[in-house]
């Protein structure tokens, strides 16, 4: 499943959306964040926050 991050959404909101996908049976996902983060360090920071907010 491809998950496109939404402008203005928090890392918690996107992590919740990903968690709901997992609960509905999704076992693989590609999270597309390149449109929101022009630099790799920004993308890395977001990924760390999203992972740490996951249950």
N, C-alpha and C. Protein backbone atom coordinates (compact mmCIF):
# COMPACT_ATOMS: atom_id res chain seq x y z
N UNK A 1 0.84 -1.16 0.00
CA UNK A 1 0.00 0.00 0.00
C UNK A 1 0.89 1.23 0.00
N UNK A 2 0.50 2.23 -0.74
CA UNK A 2 1.23 3.50 -0.76
C UNK A 2 0.49 4.48 0.14
N UNK A 3 1.23 5.15 1.00
CA UNK A 3 0.66 6.15 1.90
C UNK A 3 1.30 7.49 1.56
N UNK A 4 0.50 8.41 1.08
CA UNK A 4 0.99 9.75 0.78
C UNK A 4 0.75 10.63 2.00
N UNK A 5 1.79 11.26 2.49
CA UNK A 5 1.65 12.14 3.64
C UNK A 5 0.90 13.40 3.22
N UNK A 6 0.12 13.90 4.14
CA UNK A 6 -0.72 15.07 3.87
C UNK A 6 -0.09 16.33 4.46
N UNK A 7 -0.04 17.41 3.69
CA UNK A 7 0.49 18.66 4.24
C UNK A 7 -0.30 19.07 5.47
N UNK A 8 0.39 19.45 6.52
CA UNK A 8 -0.24 19.89 7.74
C UNK A 8 -0.59 18.78 8.72
N UNK A 9 -0.51 17.53 8.31
CA UNK A 9 -0.81 16.42 9.21
C UNK A 9 0.37 16.22 10.16
N UNK A 10 0.06 15.79 11.36
CA UNK A 10 1.12 15.53 12.33
C UNK A 10 1.68 14.13 12.11
N UNK A 11 2.85 13.89 12.65
CA UNK A 11 3.43 12.55 12.58
C UNK A 11 2.52 11.55 13.28
N UNK A 12 1.89 11.96 14.39
CA UNK A 12 0.97 11.08 15.09
C UNK A 12 -0.22 10.70 14.23
N UNK A 13 -0.77 11.67 13.50
CA UNK A 13 -1.93 11.40 12.65
C UNK A 13 -1.57 10.43 11.54
N UNK A 14 -0.42 10.62 10.92
CA UNK A 14 -0.01 9.70 9.85
C UNK A 14 0.36 8.34 10.41
N UNK A 15 0.96 8.30 11.60
CA UNK A 15 1.25 7.00 12.23
C UNK A 15 -0.05 6.27 12.56
N UNK A 16 -1.06 7.00 13.01
CA UNK A 16 -2.37 6.38 13.28
C UNK A 16 -2.98 5.83 12.00
N UNK A 17 -2.86 6.58 10.91
CA UNK A 17 -3.40 6.11 9.63
C UNK A 17 -2.69 4.84 9.19
N UNK A 18 -1.38 4.79 9.37
CA UNK A 18 -0.63 3.60 9.03
C UNK A 18 -1.03 2.43 9.93
N UNK A 19 -1.23 2.69 11.22
CA UNK A 19 -1.65 1.65 12.15
C UNK A 19 -3.01 1.08 11.77
N UNK A 20 -3.94 1.94 11.36
CA UNK A 20 -5.26 1.46 10.93
C UNK A 20 -5.13 0.57 9.69
N UNK A 21 -4.21 0.91 8.80
CA UNK A 21 -3.97 0.08 7.61
C UNK A 21 -3.47 -1.29 8.01
N UNK A 22 -2.54 -1.34 8.98
CA UNK A 22 -2.01 -2.61 9.47
C UNK A 22 -3.13 -3.44 10.09
N UNK A 23 -3.97 -2.80 10.88
CA UNK A 23 -5.07 -3.51 11.52
C UNK A 23 -6.08 -4.06 10.52
N UNK A 24 -6.15 -3.44 9.33
CA UNK A 24 -7.08 -3.93 8.31
C UNK A 24 -6.44 -4.97 7.39
N UNK A 25 -5.19 -5.33 7.67
CA UNK A 25 -4.56 -6.42 6.93
C UNK A 25 -3.38 -6.05 6.05
N UNK A 26 -3.05 -4.79 5.95
CA UNK A 26 -1.90 -4.37 5.14
C UNK A 26 -0.63 -4.85 5.82
N UNK A 27 0.25 -5.53 5.06
CA UNK A 27 1.49 -6.00 5.67
C UNK A 27 2.73 -5.33 5.07
N UNK A 28 2.54 -4.49 4.08
CA UNK A 28 3.65 -3.72 3.50
C UNK A 28 3.13 -2.36 3.09
N UNK A 29 3.94 -1.33 3.31
CA UNK A 29 3.53 0.02 2.92
C UNK A 29 4.75 0.82 2.47
N UNK A 30 4.50 1.68 1.52
CA UNK A 30 5.50 2.64 1.06
C UNK A 30 4.98 4.01 1.48
N UNK A 31 5.72 4.68 2.34
CA UNK A 31 5.31 6.01 2.80
C UNK A 31 6.03 7.04 1.96
N UNK A 32 5.24 7.81 1.19
CA UNK A 32 5.80 8.82 0.29
C UNK A 32 5.78 10.18 0.99
N UNK A 33 6.95 10.63 1.37
CA UNK A 33 7.06 11.91 2.08
C UNK A 33 7.90 12.93 1.32
N UNK A 34 8.37 12.58 0.14
CA UNK A 34 9.30 13.45 -0.57
C UNK A 34 8.69 14.80 -0.95
N UNK A 35 7.38 14.85 -1.18
CA UNK A 35 6.76 16.12 -1.54
C UNK A 35 6.74 17.09 -0.36
N UNK A 36 6.74 16.56 0.85
CA UNK A 36 6.68 17.42 2.04
C UNK A 36 8.05 17.83 2.56
N UNK A 37 9.05 17.02 2.29
CA UNK A 37 10.38 17.26 2.87
C UNK A 37 11.42 17.34 1.76
N UNK A 38 11.87 18.55 1.43
CA UNK A 38 12.82 18.71 0.33
C UNK A 38 14.23 18.22 0.67
N UNK A 39 14.53 18.08 1.96
CA UNK A 39 15.88 17.64 2.34
C UNK A 39 15.80 16.30 3.06
N UNK A 40 16.81 15.48 2.87
CA UNK A 40 16.86 14.15 3.47
C UNK A 40 16.84 14.21 4.99
N UNK A 41 17.50 15.19 5.61
CA UNK A 41 17.50 15.26 7.08
C UNK A 41 16.09 15.53 7.62
N UNK A 42 15.29 16.29 6.89
CA UNK A 42 13.91 16.53 7.31
C UNK A 42 13.09 15.24 7.23
N UNK A 43 13.28 14.50 6.16
CA UNK A 43 12.59 13.22 5.99
C UNK A 43 13.00 12.24 7.08
N UNK A 44 14.27 12.20 7.39
CA UNK A 44 14.78 11.31 8.43
C UNK A 44 14.20 11.68 9.79
N UNK A 45 14.13 12.96 10.09
CA UNK A 45 13.55 13.42 11.36
C UNK A 45 12.08 13.02 11.46
N UNK A 46 11.33 13.22 10.38
CA UNK A 46 9.92 12.83 10.39
C UNK A 46 9.77 11.33 10.61
N UNK A 47 10.56 10.53 9.91
CA UNK A 47 10.47 9.08 10.06
C UNK A 47 10.75 8.66 11.50
N UNK A 48 11.73 9.27 12.12
CA UNK A 48 12.03 8.95 13.52
C UNK A 48 10.87 9.29 14.43
N UNK A 49 10.23 10.43 14.21
CA UNK A 49 9.09 10.81 15.04
C UNK A 49 7.91 9.89 14.79
N UNK A 50 7.67 9.51 13.54
CA UNK A 50 6.55 8.62 13.22
C UNK A 50 6.75 7.24 13.85
N UNK A 51 7.97 6.74 13.78
CA UNK A 51 8.26 5.42 14.36
C UNK A 51 8.12 5.46 15.88
N UNK A 52 8.61 6.52 16.51
CA UNK A 52 8.55 6.58 17.96
C UNK A 52 7.13 6.77 18.48
N UNK A 53 6.23 7.29 17.64
CA UNK A 53 4.85 7.48 18.09
C UNK A 53 3.97 6.27 17.80
N UNK A 54 4.52 5.26 17.12
CA UNK A 54 3.75 4.05 16.83
C UNK A 54 3.68 3.17 18.07
N UNK A 55 2.53 2.47 18.21
CA UNK A 55 2.40 1.59 19.39
C UNK A 55 3.36 0.42 19.36
